[in-house]
């Protein structure tokens, strides 16, 4: 089984004046999510 994180950024309205709209999805194996979450948290803590 895979888990997906889906995110959007920007404004979807056509008349908003924004030039960009980004839609992103990240899929990971459900067996690996704890390890990946731990690594992401380490990166966040070391970067910010």
PDB file of N, CA and C in Angstrom:
ATOM      1  N   UNK A   1       0.846  -1.170   0.000  1.00  0.00           N
ATOM      2  CA  UNK A   1       0.000   0.000   0.000  1.00  0.00           C
ATOM      3  C   UNK A   1       0.898   1.241   0.000  1.00  0.00           C
ATOM      4  N   UNK A   2       0.439   2.271  -0.680  1.00  0.00           N
ATOM      5  CA  UNK A   2       1.159   3.539  -0.716  1.00  0.00           C
ATOM      6  C   UNK A   2       0.334   4.624  -0.036  1.00  0.00           C
ATOM      7  N   UNK A   3       1.034   5.523   0.619  1.00  0.00           N
ATOM      8  CA  UNK A   3       0.418   6.708   1.208  1.00  0.00           C
ATOM      9  C   UNK A   3       0.801   7.898   0.339  1.00  0.00           C
ATOM     10  N   UNK A   4      -0.139   8.810   0.145  1.00  0.00           N
ATOM     11  CA  UNK A   4       0.120   9.986  -0.687  1.00  0.00           C
ATOM     12  C   UNK A   4      -0.141  11.263   0.077  1.00  0.00           C
ATOM     13  N   UNK A   5       0.758  12.209  -0.107  1.00  0.00           N
ATOM     14  CA  UNK A   5       0.580  13.558   0.397  1.00  0.00           C
ATOM     15  C   UNK A   5       0.345  14.422  -0.834  1.00  0.00           C
ATOM     16  N   UNK A   6      -0.767  15.121  -0.858  1.00  0.00           N
ATOM     17  CA  UNK A   6      -1.118  15.962  -2.004  1.00  0.00           C
ATOM     18  C   UNK A   6      -1.217  17.400  -1.532  1.00  0.00           C
ATOM     19  N   UNK A   7      -0.608  18.308  -2.277  1.00  0.00           N
ATOM     20  CA  UNK A   7      -0.584  19.714  -1.893  1.00  0.00           C
ATOM     21  C   UNK A   7      -0.743  20.584  -3.134  1.00  0.00           C
ATOM     22  N   UNK A   8      -1.337  21.730  -2.932  1.00  0.00           N
ATOM     23  CA  UNK A   8      -1.445  22.717  -3.999  1.00  0.00           C
ATOM     24  C   UNK A   8      -0.967  24.057  -3.458  1.00  0.00           C
ATOM     25  N   UNK A   9      -0.450  24.868  -4.350  1.00  0.00           N
ATOM     26  CA  UNK A   9       0.035  26.178  -3.974  1.00  0.00           C
ATOM     27  C   UNK A   9      -0.305  27.150  -5.089  1.00  0.00           C
ATOM     28  N   UNK A  10      -0.711  28.338  -4.727  1.00  0.00           N
ATOM     29  CA  UNK A  10      -1.078  29.345  -5.709  1.00  0.00           C
ATOM     30  C   UNK A  10      -2.575  29.554  -5.714  1.00  0.00           C
ATOM     31  N   UNK A  11      -3.039  30.246  -6.714  1.00  0.00           N
ATOM     32  CA  UNK A  11      -4.459  30.548  -6.826  1.00  0.00           C
ATOM     33  C   UNK A  11      -5.022  29.891  -8.073  1.00  0.00           C
ATOM     34  N   UNK A  12      -6.083  29.135  -7.917  1.00  0.00           N
ATOM     35  CA  UNK A  12      -6.662  28.414  -9.041  1.00  0.00           C
ATOM     36  C   UNK A  12      -7.590  29.299  -9.879  1.00  0.00           C
ATOM     37  N   UNK A  13      -8.048  30.411  -9.295  1.00  0.00           N
ATOM     38  CA  UNK A  13      -8.962  31.301 -10.028  1.00  0.00           C
ATOM     39  C   UNK A  13      -8.246  31.890 -11.246  1.00  0.00           C
ATOM     40  N   UNK A  14      -8.908  31.862 -12.378  1.00  0.00           N
ATOM     41  CA  UNK A  14      -8.288  32.340 -13.619  1.00  0.00           C
ATOM     42  C   UNK A  14      -8.071  33.845 -13.632  1.00  0.00           C
ATOM     43  N   UNK A  15      -8.870  34.583 -12.916  1.00  0.00           N
ATOM     44  CA  UNK A  15      -8.736  36.041 -12.945  1.00  0.00           C
ATOM     45  C   UNK A  15      -7.988  36.578 -11.731  1.00  0.00           C
ATOM     46  N   UNK A  16      -7.210  35.760 -11.047  1.00  0.00           N
ATOM     47  CA  UNK A  16      -6.520  36.189  -9.826  1.00  0.00           C
ATOM     48  C   UNK A  16      -5.285  37.025 -10.112  1.00  0.00           C
ATOM     49  N   UNK A  17      -4.756  36.974 -11.301  1.00  0.00           N
ATOM     50  CA  UNK A  17      -3.536  37.693 -11.633  1.00  0.00           C
ATOM     51  C   UNK A  17      -2.269  36.896 -11.341  1.00  0.00           C
ATOM     52  N   UNK A  18      -2.400  35.759 -10.685  1.00  0.00           N
ATOM     53  CA  UNK A  18      -1.252  34.921 -10.381  1.00  0.00           C
ATOM     54  C   UNK A  18      -0.807  34.179 -11.644  1.00  0.00           C
ATOM     55  N   UNK A  19       0.513  34.106 -11.850  1.00  0.00           N
ATOM     56  CA  UNK A  19       1.048  33.429 -13.020  1.00  0.00           C
ATOM     57  C   UNK A  19       1.259  31.935 -12.782  1.00  0.00           C
ATOM     58  N   UNK A  20       1.235  31.519 -11.520  1.00  0.00           N
ATOM     59  CA  UNK A  20       1.631  30.152 -11.217  1.00  0.00           C
ATOM     60  C   UNK A  20       0.592  29.414 -10.381  1.00  0.00           C
ATOM     61  N   UNK A  21       0.472  28.143 -10.648  1.00  0.00           N
ATOM     62  CA  UNK A  21      -0.309  27.232  -9.830  1.00  0.00           C
ATOM     63  C   UNK A  21       0.442  25.909  -9.822  1.00  0.00           C
ATOM     64  N   UNK A  22       0.737  25.389  -8.652  1.00  0.00           N
ATOM     65  CA  UNK A  22       1.527  24.164  -8.527  1.00  0.00           C
ATOM     66  C   UNK A  22       0.704  23.114  -7.808  1.00  0.00           C
ATOM     67  N   UNK A  23       0.666  21.925  -8.374  1.00  0.00           N
ATOM     68  CA  UNK A  23      -0.018  20.784  -7.780  1.00  0.00           C
ATOM     69  C   UNK A  23       1.015  19.682  -7.641  1.00  0.00           C
ATOM     70  N   UNK A  24       1.171  19.142  -6.455  1.00  0.00           N
ATOM     71  CA  UNK A  24       2.228  18.182  -6.201  1.00  0.00           C
ATOM     72  C   UNK A  24       1.682  16.996  -5.410  1.00  0.00           C
ATOM     73  N   UNK A  25       2.199  15.819  -5.685  1.00  0.00           N
ATOM     74  CA  UNK A  25       1.847  14.631  -4.909  1.00  0.00           C
ATOM     75  C   UNK A  25       3.114  13.832  -4.650  1.00  0.00           C
ATOM     76  N   UNK A  26       3.216  13.333  -3.442  1.00  0.00           N
ATOM     77  CA  UNK A  26       4.341  12.503  -3.043  1.00  0.00           C
ATOM     78  C   UNK A  26       3.780  11.180  -2.557  1.00  0.00           C
ATOM     79  N   UNK A  27       4.220  10.097  -3.150  1.00  0.00           N
ATOM     80  CA  UNK A  27       3.763   8.766  -2.746  1.00  0.00           C
ATOM     81  C   UNK A  27       4.898   7.982  -2.122  1.00  0.00           C
ATOM     82  N   UNK A  28       4.633   7.368  -0.971  1.00  0.00           N
ATOM     83  CA  UNK A  28       5.645   6.558  -0.302  1.00  0.00           C
ATOM     84  C   UNK A  28       5.031   5.219   0.113  1.00  0.00           C
ATOM     85  N   UNK A  29       5.879   4.238   0.201  1.00  0.00           N
ATOM     86  CA  UNK A  29       5.440   2.932   0.668  1.00  0.00           C
ATOM     87  C   UNK A  29       5.000   3.061   2.125  1.00  0.00           C
ATOM     88  N   UNK A  30       3.858   2.508   2.474  1.00  0.00           N
ATOM     89  CA  UNK A  30       3.315   2.630   3.829  1.00  0.00           C
ATOM     90  C   UNK A  30       4.260   2.056   4.876  1.00  0.00           C
ATOM     91  N   UNK A  31       5.073   1.096   4.496  1.00  0.00           N
ATOM     92  CA  UNK A  31       6.027   0.509   5.443  1.00  0.00           C
ATOM     93  C   UNK A  31       7.170   1.452   5.789  1.00  0.00           C
ATOM     94  N   UNK A  32       7.398   2.478   4.960  1.00  0.00           N
ATOM     95  CA  UNK A  32       8.533   3.376   5.144  1.00  0.00           C
ATOM     96  C   UNK A  32       8.168   4.732   5.734  1.00  0.00           C
ATOM     97  N   UNK A  33       6.905   4.989   6.011  1.00  0.00           N
ATOM     98  CA  UNK A  33       6.520   6.355   6.374  1.00  0.00           C
ATOM     99  C   UNK A  33       7.140   6.830   7.677  1.00  0.00           C
ATOM    100  N   UNK A  34       7.306   5.973   8.675  1.00  0.00           N
ATOM    101  CA  UNK A  34       7.899   6.409   9.953  1.00  0.00           C
ATOM    102  C   UNK A  34       9.349   6.818   9.761  1.00  0.00           C
ATOM    103  N   UNK A  35      10.094   6.039   8.998  1.00  0.00           N
ATOM    104  CA  UNK A  35      11.493   6.361   8.729  1.00  0.00           C
ATOM    105  C   UNK A  35      11.602   7.680   7.965  1.00  0.00           C
ATOM    106  N   UNK A  36      10.793   7.839   6.929  1.00  0.00           N
ATOM    107  CA  UNK A  36      10.831   9.056   6.120  1.00  0.00           C
ATOM    108  C   UNK A  36      10.400  10.266   6.942  1.00  0.00           C
ATOM    109  N   UNK A  37       9.370  10.118   7.757  1.00  0.00           N
ATOM    110  CA  UNK A  37       8.922  11.213   8.613  1.00  0.00           C
ATOM    111  C   UNK A  37      10.034  11.637   9.577  1.00  0.00           C
ATOM    112  N   UNK A  38      10.725  10.678  10.141  1.00  0.00           N
ATOM    113  CA  UNK A  38      11.837  10.976  11.050  1.00  0.00           C
ATOM    114  C   UNK A  38      12.929  11.760  10.325  1.00  0.00           C
ATOM    115  N   UNK A  39      13.283  11.339   9.120  1.00  0.00           N
ATOM    116  CA  UNK A  39      14.327  12.020   8.353  1.00  0.00           C
ATOM    117  C   UNK A  39      13.897  13.444   7.965  1.00  0.00           C
ATOM    118  N   UNK A  40      12.645  13.612   7.583  1.00  0.00           N
ATOM    119  CA  UNK A  40      12.141  14.949   7.231  1.00  0.00           C
ATOM    120  C   UNK A  40      12.203  15.859   8.459  1.00  0.00           C
ATOM    121  N   UNK A  41      11.814  15.364   9.617  1.00  0.00           N
ATOM    122  CA  UNK A  41      11.879  16.159  10.835  1.00  0.00           C
ATOM    123  C   UNK A  41      13.319  16.535  11.194  1.00  0.00           C
ATOM    124  N   UNK A  42      14.253  15.616  10.992  1.00  0.00           N
ATOM    125  CA  UNK A  42      15.666  15.933  11.218  1.00  0.00           C
ATOM    126  C   UNK A  42      16.127  17.057  10.294  1.00  0.00           C
ATOM    127  N   UNK A  43      15.760  16.971   9.023  1.00  0.00           N
ATOM    128  CA  UNK A  43      16.143  18.024   8.061  1.00  0.00           C
ATOM    129  C   UNK A  43      15.537  19.376   8.442  1.00  0.00           C
ATOM    130  N   UNK A  44      14.277  19.374   8.843  1.00  0.00           N
ATOM    131  CA  UNK A  44      13.619  20.619   9.247  1.00  0.00           C
ATOM    132  C   UNK A  44      14.309  21.228  10.460  1.00  0.00           C
ATOM    133  N   UNK A  45      14.640  20.405  11.441  1.00  0.00           N
ATOM    134  CA  UNK A  45      15.283  20.903  12.648  1.00  0.00           C
ATOM    135  C   UNK A  45      16.684  21.438  12.379  1.00  0.00           C
ATOM    136  N   UNK A  46      17.408  20.813  11.471  1.00  0.00           N
ATOM    137  CA  UNK A  46      18.758  21.272  11.165  1.00  0.00           C
ATOM    138  C   UNK A  46      18.764  22.497  10.254  1.00  0.00           C
ATOM    139  N   UNK A  47      17.672  22.702   9.505  1.00  0.00           N
ATOM    140  CA  UNK A  47      17.616  23.812   8.557  1.00  0.00           C
ATOM    141  C   UNK A  47      16.977  25.077   9.133  1.00  0.00           C
ATOM    142  N   UNK A  48      16.073  24.907  10.074  1.00  0.00           N
ATOM    143  CA  UNK A  48      15.340  26.069  10.571  1.00  0.00           C
ATOM    144  C   UNK A  48      15.609  26.268  12.027  1.00  0.00           C
TER     145      UNK A  48
END
